[in-house]
Amino acid sequence: MFMSTGGLNRTHAIQGILTATAHTMLRSEKPDQFELFDDLFAEVKQQLMKQAQDGGADGLIEVRFNTEVVRMNVAPKFLVVHGYGTAIKFPK
């Protein structure tokens, strides 16, 4: 199983698009803990890999990540990471 942010120059069949999202709340006493994004990226990568494995894929290509800081009017901020990629399978 592999994950790549680029394409693949090898014959493959596309199985579908996979998505995953992870989030965490920033505490009001520490509003600038943006290093928490690192853990969210790792969580999203694991979710994508698990979905690909469960679906019988050989790998993920064209993987992309979006980050967002969500601010609520009365609540604390949330860090959100959304990832998506194309699950592929190699012909036998």
PDB file of N, CA and C in Angstrom:
ATOM      1  N   MET A   1       0.851  -1.173   0.000  1.00  0.00           N
ATOM      2  CA  MET A   1       0.000   0.000   0.000  1.00  0.00           C
ATOM      3  C   MET A   1       0.892   1.230   0.000  1.00  0.00           C
ATOM      4  N   PHE A   2       0.548   2.189  -0.846  1.00  0.00           N
ATOM      5  CA  PHE A   2       1.320   3.428  -0.914  1.00  0.00           C
ATOM      6  C   PHE A   2       0.373   4.611  -1.063  1.00  0.00           C
ATOM      7  N   MET A   3       0.917   5.789  -0.810  1.00  0.00           N
ATOM      8  CA  MET A   3       0.173   7.040  -0.944  1.00  0.00           C
ATOM      9  C   MET A   3       1.081   8.025  -1.663  1.00  0.00           C
ATOM     10  N   SER A   4       0.535   8.713  -2.680  1.00  0.00           N
ATOM     11  CA  SER A   4       1.340   9.653  -3.455  1.00  0.00           C
ATOM     12  C   SER A   4       0.535  10.916  -3.729  1.00  0.00           C
ATOM     13  N   THR A   5       1.208  12.060  -3.704  1.00  0.00           N
ATOM     14  CA  THR A   5       0.542  13.310  -4.050  1.00  0.00           C
ATOM     15  C   THR A   5       0.557  13.547  -5.550  1.00  0.00           C
ATOM     16  N   GLY A   6       1.255  12.692  -6.277  1.00  0.00           N
ATOM     17  CA  GLY A   6       1.316  12.818  -7.726  1.00  0.00           C
ATOM     18  C   GLY A   6       0.569  11.695  -8.413  1.00  0.00           C
ATOM     19  N   GLY A   7       0.667  11.698  -9.737  1.00  0.00           N
ATOM     20  CA  GLY A   7       0.050  10.656 -10.535  1.00  0.00           C
ATOM     21  C   GLY A   7       0.930   9.417 -10.572  1.00  0.00           C
ATOM     22  N   LEU A   8       0.572   8.492 -11.445  1.00  0.00           N
ATOM     23  CA  LEU A   8       1.306   7.242 -11.532  1.00  0.00           C
ATOM     24  C   LEU A   8       1.439   6.870 -13.004  1.00  0.00           C
ATOM     25  N   ASN A   9       2.665   6.641 -13.449  1.00  0.00           N
ATOM     26  CA  ASN A   9       2.923   6.295 -14.836  1.00  0.00           C
ATOM     27  C   ASN A   9       2.996   4.776 -14.978  1.00  0.00           C
ATOM     28  N   ARG A  10       1.896   4.116 -14.680  1.00  0.00           N
ATOM     29  CA  ARG A  10       1.801   2.661 -14.735  1.00  0.00           C
ATOM     30  C   ARG A  10       0.320   2.318 -14.925  1.00  0.00           C
ATOM     31  N   THR A  11       0.037   1.247 -15.620  1.00  0.00           N
ATOM     32  CA  THR A  11      -1.342   0.840 -15.831  1.00  0.00           C
ATOM     33  C   THR A  11      -2.020   0.559 -14.499  1.00  0.00           C
ATOM     34  N   HIS A  12      -3.201   1.164 -14.323  1.00  0.00           N
ATOM     35  CA  HIS A  12      -3.966   0.974 -13.091  1.00  0.00           C
ATOM     36  C   HIS A  12      -5.444   1.221 -13.355  1.00  0.00           C
ATOM     37  N   ALA A  13      -6.264   0.673 -12.503  1.00  0.00           N
ATOM     38  CA  ALA A  13      -7.711   0.896 -12.569  1.00  0.00           C
ATOM     39  C   ALA A  13      -8.114   1.770 -11.390  1.00  0.00           C
ATOM     40  N   ILE A  14      -8.907   2.770 -11.665  1.00  0.00           N
ATOM     41  CA  ILE A  14      -9.393   3.658 -10.610  1.00  0.00           C
ATOM     42  C   ILE A  14     -10.560   2.985  -9.893  1.00  0.00           C
ATOM     43  N   GLN A  15     -10.458   2.906  -8.576  1.00  0.00           N
ATOM     44  CA  GLN A  15     -11.523   2.311  -7.768  1.00  0.00           C
ATOM     45  C   GLN A  15     -12.501   3.351  -7.243  1.00  0.00           C
ATOM     46  N   GLY A  16     -12.022   4.567  -7.047  1.00  0.00           N
ATOM     47  CA  GLY A  16     -12.903   5.613  -6.552  1.00  0.00           C
ATOM     48  C   GLY A  16     -12.146   6.670  -5.770  1.00  0.00           C
ATOM     49  N   ILE A  17     -12.868   7.671  -5.358  1.00  0.00           N
ATOM     50  CA  ILE A  17     -12.316   8.772  -4.578  1.00  0.00           C
ATOM     51  C   ILE A  17     -12.606   8.517  -3.105  1.00  0.00           C
ATOM     52  N   LEU A  18     -11.586   8.687  -2.280  1.00  0.00           N
ATOM     53  CA  LEU A  18     -11.731   8.512  -0.830  1.00  0.00           C
ATOM     54  C   LEU A  18     -11.550   9.862  -0.151  1.00  0.00           C
ATOM     55  N   THR A  19     -12.285  10.081   0.929  1.00  0.00           N
ATOM     56  CA  THR A  19     -12.158  11.321   1.692  1.00  0.00           C
ATOM     57  C   THR A  19     -12.085  11.008   3.180  1.00  0.00           C
ATOM     58  N   ALA A  20     -11.438  11.892   3.918  1.00  0.00           N
ATOM     59  CA  ALA A  20     -11.354  11.757   5.373  1.00  0.00           C
ATOM     60  C   ALA A  20     -11.195  13.153   5.977  1.00  0.00           C
ATOM     61  N   THR A  21     -11.725  13.319   7.177  1.00  0.00           N
ATOM     62  CA  THR A  21     -11.651  14.604   7.878  1.00  0.00           C
ATOM     63  C   THR A  21     -11.333  14.367   9.350  1.00  0.00           C
ATOM     64  N   ALA A  22     -10.506  15.238   9.902  1.00  0.00           N
ATOM     65  CA  ALA A  22     -10.192  15.207  11.336  1.00  0.00           C
ATOM     66  C   ALA A  22     -10.216  16.647  11.849  1.00  0.00           C
ATOM     67  N   HIS A  23     -10.572  16.818  13.112  1.00  0.00           N
ATOM     68  CA  HIS A  23     -10.621  18.165  13.681  1.00  0.00           C
ATOM     69  C   HIS A  23     -10.288  18.109  15.167  1.00  0.00           C
ATOM     70  N   THR A  24      -9.898  19.258  15.683  1.00  0.00           N
ATOM     71  CA  THR A  24      -9.646  19.401  17.114  1.00  0.00           C
ATOM     72  C   THR A  24      -9.986  20.831  17.517  1.00  0.00           C
ATOM     73  N   MET A  25     -10.299  21.004  18.770  1.00  0.00           N
ATOM     74  CA  MET A  25     -10.666  22.324  19.291  1.00  0.00           C
ATOM     75  C   MET A  25      -9.434  22.977  19.912  1.00  0.00           C
ATOM     76  N   LEU A  26      -9.251  24.248  19.623  1.00  0.00           N
ATOM     77  CA  LEU A  26      -8.191  25.020  20.273  1.00  0.00           C
ATOM     78  C   LEU A  26      -8.731  25.568  21.588  1.00  0.00           C
ATOM     79  N   ARG A  27      -8.011  25.342  22.634  1.00  0.00           N
ATOM     80  CA  ARG A  27      -8.420  25.839  23.954  1.00  0.00           C
ATOM     81  C   ARG A  27      -8.267  27.366  23.994  1.00  0.00           C
ATOM     82  N   SER A  28      -9.135  28.012  24.718  1.00  0.00           N
ATOM     83  CA  SER A  28      -9.097  29.475  24.780  1.00  0.00           C
ATOM     84  C   SER A  28      -7.830  29.994  25.460  1.00  0.00           C
ATOM     85  N   GLU A  29      -7.239  29.185  26.345  1.00  0.00           N
ATOM     86  CA  GLU A  29      -6.005  29.634  27.008  1.00  0.00           C
ATOM     87  C   GLU A  29      -4.765  29.450  26.129  1.00  0.00           C
ATOM     88  N   LYS A  30      -4.883  28.661  25.050  1.00  0.00           N
ATOM     89  CA  LYS A  30      -3.773  28.469  24.110  1.00  0.00           C
ATOM     90  C   LYS A  30      -4.318  28.566  22.680  1.00  0.00           C
ATOM     91  N   PRO A  31      -4.646  29.775  22.224  1.00  0.00           N
ATOM     92  CA  PRO A  31      -5.327  29.928  20.936  1.00  0.00           C
ATOM     93  C   PRO A  31      -4.431  29.751  19.706  1.00  0.00           C
ATOM     94  N   ASP A  32      -3.126  29.641  19.879  1.00  0.00           N
ATOM     95  CA  ASP A  32      -2.222  29.553  18.726  1.00  0.00           C
ATOM     96  C   ASP A  32      -1.467  28.240  18.661  1.00  0.00           C
ATOM     97  N   GLN A  33      -2.089  27.144  19.002  1.00  0.00           N
ATOM     98  CA  GLN A  33      -1.442  25.831  18.981  1.00  0.00           C
ATOM     99  C   GLN A  33      -1.569  25.190  17.598  1.00  0.00           C
ATOM    100  N   PHE A  34      -1.031  25.830  16.585  1.00  0.00           N
ATOM    101  CA  PHE A  34      -1.181  25.338  15.228  1.00  0.00           C
ATOM    102  C   PHE A  34      -0.341  24.095  14.946  1.00  0.00           C
ATOM    103  N   GLU A  35       0.556  23.737  15.855  1.00  0.00           N
ATOM    104  CA  GLU A  35       1.302  22.483  15.703  1.00  0.00           C
ATOM    105  C   GLU A  35       0.374  21.275  15.830  1.00  0.00           C
ATOM    106  N   LEU A  36      -0.832  21.485  16.332  1.00  0.00           N
ATOM    107  CA  LEU A  36      -1.823  20.405  16.406  1.00  0.00           C
ATOM    108  C   LEU A  36      -2.232  19.925  15.016  1.00  0.00           C
ATOM    109  N   PHE A  37      -1.986  20.749  13.988  1.00  0.00           N
ATOM    110  CA  PHE A  37      -2.266  20.326  12.620  1.00  0.00           C
ATOM    111  C   PHE A  37      -1.484  19.063  12.265  1.00  0.00           C
ATOM    112  N   ASP A  38      -0.271  18.906  12.810  1.00  0.00           N
ATOM    113  CA  ASP A  38       0.556  17.730  12.504  1.00  0.00           C
ATOM    114  C   ASP A  38      -0.163  16.435  12.861  1.00  0.00           C
ATOM    115  N   ASP A  39      -0.766  16.392  14.037  1.00  0.00           N
ATOM    116  CA  ASP A  39      -1.505  15.198  14.460  1.00  0.00           C
ATOM    117  C   ASP A  39      -2.733  14.965  13.590  1.00  0.00           C
ATOM    118  N   LEU A  40      -3.376  16.049  13.166  1.00  0.00           N
ATOM    119  CA  LEU A  40      -4.556  15.917  12.319  1.00  0.00           C
ATOM    120  C   LEU A  40      -4.194  15.361  10.945  1.00  0.00           C
ATOM    121  N   PHE A  41      -3.062  15.816  10.388  1.00  0.00           N
ATOM    122  CA  PHE A  41      -2.597  15.265   9.107  1.00  0.00           C
ATOM    123  C   PHE A  41      -2.352  13.767   9.237  1.00  0.00           C
ATOM    124  N   ALA A  42      -1.676  13.358  10.308  1.00  0.00           N
ATOM    125  CA  ALA A  42      -1.397  11.934  10.523  1.00  0.00           C
ATOM    126  C   ALA A  42      -2.693  11.137  10.638  1.00  0.00           C
ATOM    127  N   GLU A  43      -3.676  11.675  11.345  1.00  0.00           N
ATOM    128  CA  GLU A  43      -4.960  10.991  11.514  1.00  0.00           C
ATOM    129  C   GLU A  43      -5.679  10.832  10.168  1.00  0.00           C
ATOM    130  N   VAL A  44      -5.683  11.887   9.358  1.00  0.00           N
ATOM    131  CA  VAL A  44      -6.339  11.822   8.053  1.00  0.00           C
ATOM    132  C   VAL A  44      -5.629  10.821   7.145  1.00  0.00           C
ATOM    133  N   LYS A  45      -4.301  10.815   7.161  1.00  0.00           N
ATOM    134  CA  LYS A  45      -3.549   9.839   6.356  1.00  0.00           C
ATOM    135  C   LYS A  45      -3.904   8.412   6.755  1.00  0.00           C
ATOM    136  N   GLN A  46      -3.980   8.152   8.048  1.00  0.00           N
ATOM    137  CA  GLN A  46      -4.339   6.815   8.520  1.00  0.00           C
ATOM    138  C   GLN A  46      -5.742   6.428   8.086  1.00  0.00           C
ATOM    139  N   GLN A  47      -6.676   7.366   8.176  1.00  0.00           N
ATOM    140  CA  GLN A  47      -8.052   7.088   7.753  1.00  0.00           C
ATOM    141  C   GLN A  47      -8.112   6.755   6.260  1.00  0.00           C
ATOM    142  N   LEU A  48      -7.392   7.525   5.442  1.00  0.00           N
ATOM    143  CA  LEU A  48      -7.377   7.267   4.004  1.00  0.00           C
ATOM    144  C   LEU A  48      -6.770   5.903   3.684  1.00  0.00           C
ATOM    145  N   MET A  49      -5.669   5.581   4.336  1.00  0.00           N
ATOM    146  CA  MET A  49      -5.009   4.287   4.100  1.00  0.00           C
ATOM    147  C   MET A  49      -5.914   3.134   4.524  1.00  0.00           C
ATOM    148  N   LYS A  50      -6.602   3.273   5.638  1.00  0.00           N
ATOM    149  CA  LYS A  50      -7.503   2.214   6.105  1.00  0.00           C
ATOM    150  C   LYS A  50      -8.656   2.018   5.125  1.00  0.00           C
ATOM    151  N   GLN A  51      -9.233   3.107   4.650  1.00  0.00           N
ATOM    152  CA  GLN A  51     -10.313   3.007   3.667  1.00  0.00           C
ATOM    153  C   GLN A  51      -9.829   2.313   2.395  1.00  0.00           C
ATOM    154  N   ALA A  52      -8.627   2.660   1.956  1.00  0.00           N
ATOM    155  CA  ALA A  52      -8.073   2.054   0.738  1.00  0.00           C
ATOM    156  C   ALA A  52      -7.838   0.559   0.948  1.00  0.00           C
ATOM    157  N   GLN A  53      -7.263   0.191   2.079  1.00  0.00           N
ATOM    158  CA  GLN A  53      -7.018  -1.223   2.376  1.00  0.00           C
ATOM    159  C   GLN A  53      -8.327  -1.992   2.478  1.00  0.00           C
ATOM    160  N   ASP A  54      -9.307  -1.424   3.169  1.00  0.00           N
ATOM    161  CA  ASP A  54     -10.607  -2.081   3.321  1.00  0.00           C
ATOM    162  C   ASP A  54     -11.293  -2.286   1.972  1.00  0.00           C
ATOM    163  N   GLY A  55     -11.031  -1.389   1.033  1.00  0.00           N
ATOM    164  CA  GLY A  55     -11.622  -1.483  -0.292  1.00  0.00           C
ATOM    165  C   GLY A  55     -10.810  -2.319  -1.264  1.00  0.00           C
ATOM    166  N   GLY A  56      -9.695  -2.868  -0.811  1.00  0.00           N
ATOM    167  CA  GLY A  56      -8.874  -3.722  -1.662  1.00  0.00           C
ATOM    168  C   GLY A  56      -7.984  -2.973  -2.641  1.00  0.00           C
ATOM    169  N   ALA A  57      -7.746  -1.701  -2.401  1.00  0.00           N
ATOM    170  CA  ALA A  57      -6.894  -0.912  -3.293  1.00  0.00           C
ATOM    171  C   ALA A  57      -5.418  -1.261  -3.083  1.00  0.00           C
ATOM    172  N   ASP A  58      -4.625  -1.011  -4.126  1.00  0.00           N
ATOM    173  CA  ASP A  58      -3.176  -1.191  -4.021  1.00  0.00           C
ATOM    174  C   ASP A  58      -2.477   0.086  -3.588  1.00  0.00           C
ATOM    175  N   GLY A  59      -3.154   1.228  -3.750  1.00  0.00           N
ATOM    176  CA  GLY A  59      -2.548   2.484  -3.354  1.00  0.00           C
ATOM    177  C   GLY A  59      -3.479   3.662  -3.563  1.00  0.00           C
ATOM    178  N   LEU A  60      -2.983   4.829  -3.178  1.00  0.00           N
ATOM    179  CA  LEU A  60      -3.709   6.097  -3.339  1.00  0.00           C
ATOM    180  C   LEU A  60      -2.832   7.064  -4.115  1.00  0.00           C
ATOM    181  N   ILE A  61      -3.417   7.703  -5.124  1.00  0.00           N
ATOM    182  CA  ILE A  61      -2.665   8.707  -5.885  1.00  0.00           C
ATOM    183  C   ILE A  61      -3.409  10.040  -5.832  1.00  0.00           C
ATOM    184  N   GLU A  62      -2.700  11.096  -6.265  1.00  0.00           N
ATOM    185  CA  GLU A  62      -3.275  12.443  -6.311  1.00  0.00           C
ATOM    186  C   GLU A  62      -3.901  12.845  -4.975  1.00  0.00           C
ATOM    187  N   VAL A  63      -3.232  12.509  -3.872  1.00  0.00           N
ATOM    188  CA  VAL A  63      -3.740  12.830  -2.537  1.00  0.00           C
ATOM    189  C   VAL A  63      -3.535  14.327  -2.268  1.00  0.00           C
ATOM    190  N   ARG A  64      -4.567  14.959  -1.767  1.00  0.00           N
ATOM    191  CA  ARG A  64      -4.531  16.387  -1.457  1.00  0.00           C
ATOM    192  C   ARG A  64      -5.090  16.620  -0.054  1.00  0.00           C
ATOM    193  N   PHE A  65      -4.636  17.707   0.560  1.00  0.00           N
ATOM    194  CA  PHE A  65      -5.095  18.066   1.900  1.00  0.00           C
ATOM    195  C   PHE A  65      -5.523  19.529   1.914  1.00  0.00           C
ATOM    196  N   ASN A  66      -6.585  19.808   2.639  1.00  0.00           N
ATOM    197  CA  ASN A  66      -7.044  21.181   2.878  1.00  0.00           C
ATOM    198  C   ASN A  66      -7.054  21.405   4.380  1.00  0.00           C
ATOM    199  N   THR A  67      -6.616  22.592   4.792  1.00  0.00           N
ATOM    200  CA  THR A  67      -6.656  22.939   6.212  1.00  0.00           C
ATOM    201  C   THR A  67      -7.564  24.144   6.396  1.00  0.00           C
ATOM    202  N   GLU A  68      -8.159  24.223   7.572  1.00  0.00           N
ATOM    203  CA  GLU A  68      -9.073  25.319   7.851  1.00  0.00           C
ATOM    204  C   GLU A  68      -9.082  25.599   9.351  1.00  0.00           C
ATOM    205  N   VAL A  69      -9.163  26.855   9.690  1.00  0.00           N
ATOM    206  CA  VAL A  69      -9.386  27.270  11.076  1.00  0.00           C
ATOM    207  C   VAL A  69     -10.802  27.811  11.121  1.00  0.00           C
ATOM    208  N   VAL A  70     -11.670  27.112  11.839  1.00  0.00           N
ATOM    209  CA  VAL A  70     -13.084  27.487  11.918  1.00  0.00           C
ATOM    210  C   VAL A  70     -13.294  28.283  13.197  1.00  0.00           C
ATOM    211  N   ARG A  71     -13.850  29.459  13.054  1.00  0.00           N
ATOM    212  CA  ARG A  71     -14.120  30.325  14.205  1.00  0.00           C
ATOM    213  C   ARG A  71     -15.630  30.406  14.413  1.00  0.00           C
ATOM    214  N   MET A  72     -16.026  30.193  15.631  1.00  0.00           N
ATOM    215  CA  MET A  72     -17.429  30.320  15.988  1.00  0.00           C
ATOM    216  C   MET A  72     -17.613  31.624  16.758  1.00  0.00           C
ATOM    217  N   ASN A  73     -18.821  32.142  16.799  1.00  0.00           N
ATOM    218  CA  ASN A  73     -19.083  33.412  17.496  1.00  0.00           C
ATOM    219  C   ASN A  73     -18.809  33.321  18.989  1.00  0.00           C
ATOM    220  N   VAL A  74     -19.307  32.274  19.636  1.00  0.00           N
ATOM    221  CA  VAL A  74     -19.156  32.183  21.088  1.00  0.00           C
ATOM    222  C   VAL A  74     -18.292  31.006  21.520  1.00  0.00           C
ATOM    223  N   ALA A  75     -17.932  30.154  20.610  1.00  0.00           N
ATOM    224  CA  ALA A  75     -17.138  28.964  20.953  1.00  0.00           C
ATOM    225  C   ALA A  75     -15.683  29.174  20.551  1.00  0.00           C
ATOM    226  N   PRO A  76     -14.805  28.300  21.012  1.00  0.00           N
ATOM    227  CA  PRO A  76     -13.397  28.394  20.617  1.00  0.00           C
ATOM    228  C   PRO A  76     -13.206  28.038  19.138  1.00  0.00           C
ATOM    229  N   LYS A  77     -11.985  28.211  18.667  1.00  0.00           N
ATOM    230  CA  LYS A  77     -11.648  27.874  17.292  1.00  0.00           C
ATOM    231  C   LYS A  77     -11.445  26.366  17.142  1.00  0.00           C
ATOM    232  N   PHE A  78     -11.681  25.874  15.930  1.00  0.00           N
ATOM    233  CA  PHE A  78     -11.430  24.479  15.588  1.00  0.00           C
ATOM    234  C   PHE A  78     -10.442  24.423  14.436  1.00  0.00           C
ATOM    235  N   LEU A  79      -9.518  23.473  14.517  1.00  0.00           N
ATOM    236  CA  LEU A  79      -8.619  23.187  13.402  1.00  0.00           C
ATOM    237  C   LEU A  79      -9.198  21.992  12.663  1.00  0.00           C
ATOM    238  N   VAL A  80      -9.275  22.085  11.342  1.00  0.00           N
ATOM    239  CA  VAL A  80      -9.861  21.025  10.536  1.00  0.00           C
ATOM    240  C   VAL A  80      -8.904  20.681   9.396  1.00  0.00           C
ATOM    241  N   VAL A  81      -8.679  19.376   9.184  1.00  0.00           N
ATOM    242  CA  VAL A  81      -7.908  18.896   8.034  1.00  0.00           C
ATOM    243  C   VAL A  81      -8.798  17.935   7.262  1.00  0.00           C
ATOM    244  N   HIS A  82      -8.922  18.206   5.972  1.00  0.00           N
ATOM    245  CA  HIS A  82      -9.701  17.340   5.086  1.00  0.00           C
ATOM    246  C   HIS A  82      -8.743  16.808   4.024  1.00  0.00           C
ATOM    247  N   GLY A  83      -8.767  15.499   3.800  1.00  0.00           N
ATOM    248  CA  GLY A  83      -7.919  14.888   2.788  1.00  0.00           C
ATOM    249  C   GLY A  83      -8.738  14.067   1.810  1.00  0.00           C
ATOM    250  N   TYR A  84      -8.251  13.976   0.581  1.00  0.00           N
ATOM    251  CA  TYR A  84      -8.925  13.155  -0.410  1.00  0.00           C
ATOM    252  C   TYR A  84      -7.896  12.620  -1.404  1.00  0.00           C
ATOM    253  N   GLY A  85      -8.220  11.513  -2.034  1.00  0.00           N
ATOM    254  CA  GLY A  85      -7.311  10.924  -3.012  1.00  0.00           C
ATOM    255  C   GLY A  85      -8.034   9.865  -3.826  1.00  0.00           C
ATOM    256  N   THR A  86      -7.371   9.374  -4.861  1.00  0.00           N
ATOM    257  CA  THR A  86      -7.929   8.385  -5.773  1.00  0.00           C
ATOM    258  C   THR A  86      -7.368   7.012  -5.436  1.00  0.00           C
ATOM    259  N   ALA A  87      -8.237   6.074  -5.111  1.00  0.00           N
ATOM    260  CA  ALA A  87      -7.840   4.696  -4.827  1.00  0.00           C
ATOM    261  C   ALA A  87      -7.654   3.969  -6.155  1.00  0.00           C
ATOM    262  N   ILE A  88      -6.548   3.229  -6.273  1.00  0.00           N
ATOM    263  CA  ILE A  88      -6.267   2.509  -7.516  1.00  0.00           C
ATOM    264  C   ILE A  88      -5.922   1.047  -7.232  1.00  0.00           C
ATOM    265  N   LYS A  89      -6.048   0.232  -8.285  1.00  0.00           N
ATOM    266  CA  LYS A  89      -5.691  -1.173  -8.208  1.00  0.00           C
ATOM    267  C   LYS A  89      -4.913  -1.505  -9.471  1.00  0.00           C
ATOM    268  N   PHE A  90      -3.848  -2.283  -9.314  1.00  0.00           N
ATOM    269  CA  PHE A  90      -3.059  -2.716 -10.455  1.00  0.00           C
ATOM    270  C   PHE A  90      -3.664  -3.970 -11.066  1.00  0.00           C
ATOM    271  N   PRO A  91      -3.716  -4.052 -12.408  1.00  0.00           N
ATOM    272  CA  PRO A  91      -4.243  -5.279 -13.023  1.00  0.00           C
ATOM    273  C   PRO A  91      -3.319  -6.462 -12.765  1.00  0.00           C
ATOM    274  N   LYS A  92      -3.916  -7.635 -12.692  1.00  0.00           N
ATOM    275  CA  LYS A  92      -3.111  -8.847 -12.429  1.00  0.00           C
ATOM    276  C   LYS A  92      -2.456  -9.338 -13.691  1.00  0.00           C
TER     277      LYS A  92
END
